[in-house]
Every structure is written in C-alpha cells, then in structure tokens.
Amino acid sequence: QVQLVESGGDLVQPGGSLRLSCAGSGFYLDYYAIGWFRQAPGKEREGVACISGRDGSIAIENAVKGRFTISRDNTKNTVYLQMDSLSPEDTGVYYCATRGRGNSCPHGVWIYEYENWGQGTQVTVSS
C-alpha cells in the first residue's frame, strides 16, 4: 500500500526557514514524481513544487521560486521541501502526493494529476 507521511511543520517567524519531509512507505519513492502542495485557511489547495524520481528534474511554482527548494534522498525514500525567507503568506497545511501521470515534472504542479495524498503538516509563519 502506497503511503506518504509529511513531517517538519512548525511555527516559525517571518524570514525564517523550515525543511519539510515526505517519507514513503510500501513502495519505492523514486518510481514516482512527487509533488508538494499547500492549503491556506479558506483557500484552495495549490501546487508548490515537483521532483521527478527518474532524473531528478524539478518544477517550482512562481509563488515560491527562489525561496523553496525540492530535493530527494532515495536511500531514505524521502523527498524534502526546503523553505527559506518564509512569510505569513506561506502559512498553511503542506501535503505531498505521487504524480499519477508519469515519473516527470513537465509543467506546473497541477493538483488533478496527483494521488496518494499524505495527511499534511502544519506550517505557521507568524511573529
């Protein structure tokens, strides 16, 4: 059974950093492209970043480009989201999921292409 578990969410001050983890169990994470998403209170879930399990290619959405970095460690079966220069607008629940349309990130992080969602981890950016 494919399962993803997110962790690393916390309360952080504006300008701070966090690293989120997305750990896979029941399957090899590098068989899939993995996407990170977030959902702010009262808003729709939106894509943040994607990383291919095949060649490590990535896609980063404009809202976080230059501040967030996605990476993976296949030996740990884990994908990471490094978040720097955080602002209150980054507050929300962060989720990871597998891409159901190929092991690649050919365009933006489109939510309808993803499945096997984790339970999410809360990120709060506040002073």
Foldseek 3Di string as FASTA:
>chain_A
DWAWAKDWADEAAAQAKTKMKIAIPPDQLLQFKKWKWWDDPPGDIDTAKIAFSPPGDMDGDPVQPPFWDWGDDRVRRMIMIIGGRDDQVPWGWMKMFTFQPDRDDPDTDDVVRTDNIHPTHGHGYHD
